[in-house]
């Protein structure tokens, strides 16, 4: 089994983790029913509509 010979430095560890910190949040779209921001291709958490139909209120 492979075992590292030296301890990984904090700079090397932080530099590797820093690449994941740069990720940007996904874009949001506007719900056509209530005009609140929502994630695209998902049910609106505010009014429960998806593609013009009431999905949650049924």
Protein backbone atom coordinates (compact mmCIF):
# COMPACT_ATOMS: atom_id res chain seq x y z
CA UNK A 1 0.00 0.00 0.00
CA UNK A 2 1.35 3.44 -0.90
CA UNK A 3 2.20 5.64 2.08
CA UNK A 4 3.42 9.26 1.78
CA UNK A 5 6.99 9.84 2.95
CA UNK A 6 6.40 13.44 4.07
CA UNK A 7 3.55 15.37 5.63
CA UNK A 8 1.58 17.40 3.09
CA UNK A 9 2.19 21.09 3.78
CA UNK A 10 -0.63 23.47 4.63
CA UNK A 11 0.09 25.58 1.54
CA UNK A 12 -0.22 22.58 -0.75
CA UNK A 13 -3.44 21.41 0.92
CA UNK A 14 -4.98 24.90 0.91
CA UNK A 15 -4.00 25.49 -2.70
CA UNK A 16 -5.70 22.27 -3.76
CA UNK A 17 -8.88 23.13 -1.83
CA UNK A 18 -8.92 26.70 -3.15
CA UNK A 19 -9.89 25.51 -6.64
CA UNK A 20 -13.27 24.35 -5.30
CA UNK A 21 -13.93 27.68 -3.59
CA UNK A 22 -14.00 29.48 -6.94
CA UNK A 23 -17.16 27.74 -8.12
CA UNK A 24 -20.01 30.13 -8.94
CA UNK A 25 -23.61 29.56 -7.93
CA UNK A 26 -25.92 28.36 -10.69
CA UNK A 27 -28.03 30.90 -12.53
CA UNK A 28 -31.60 31.49 -11.48
CA UNK A 29 -34.65 32.08 -13.63
CA UNK A 30 -37.86 33.95 -12.82
CA UNK A 31 -41.10 32.09 -12.12
CA UNK A 32 -43.76 33.14 -14.64
CA UNK A 33 -46.52 32.77 -12.02
CA UNK A 34 -45.22 34.61 -8.94
CA UNK A 35 -42.13 36.34 -10.47
CA UNK A 36 -39.84 35.03 -7.71
CA UNK A 37 -36.34 33.69 -8.50
CA UNK A 38 -36.10 29.90 -8.80
CA UNK A 39 -33.71 27.31 -10.14
CA UNK A 40 -34.33 26.42 -13.80
CA UNK A 41 -36.19 23.18 -14.64
CA UNK A 42 -37.52 22.83 -11.08
CA UNK A 43 -40.78 23.44 -9.26
CA UNK A 44 -41.05 26.95 -7.84
CA UNK A 45 -40.58 26.73 -4.05
CA UNK A 46 -42.76 29.80 -3.54
CA UNK A 47 -45.96 28.97 -5.48
CA UNK A 48 -45.49 25.27 -6.43
CA UNK A 49 -45.99 25.73 -10.18
CA UNK A 50 -43.99 24.01 -12.93
CA UNK A 51 -44.56 24.67 -16.66
CA UNK A 52 -47.77 26.57 -15.92
CA UNK A 53 -49.34 23.75 -13.88
CA UNK A 54 -49.95 23.56 -10.13
CA UNK A 55 -47.82 20.57 -9.10
CA UNK A 56 -47.51 20.92 -5.31
CA UNK A 57 -51.06 22.10 -4.53
CA UNK A 58 -52.74 18.97 -5.92
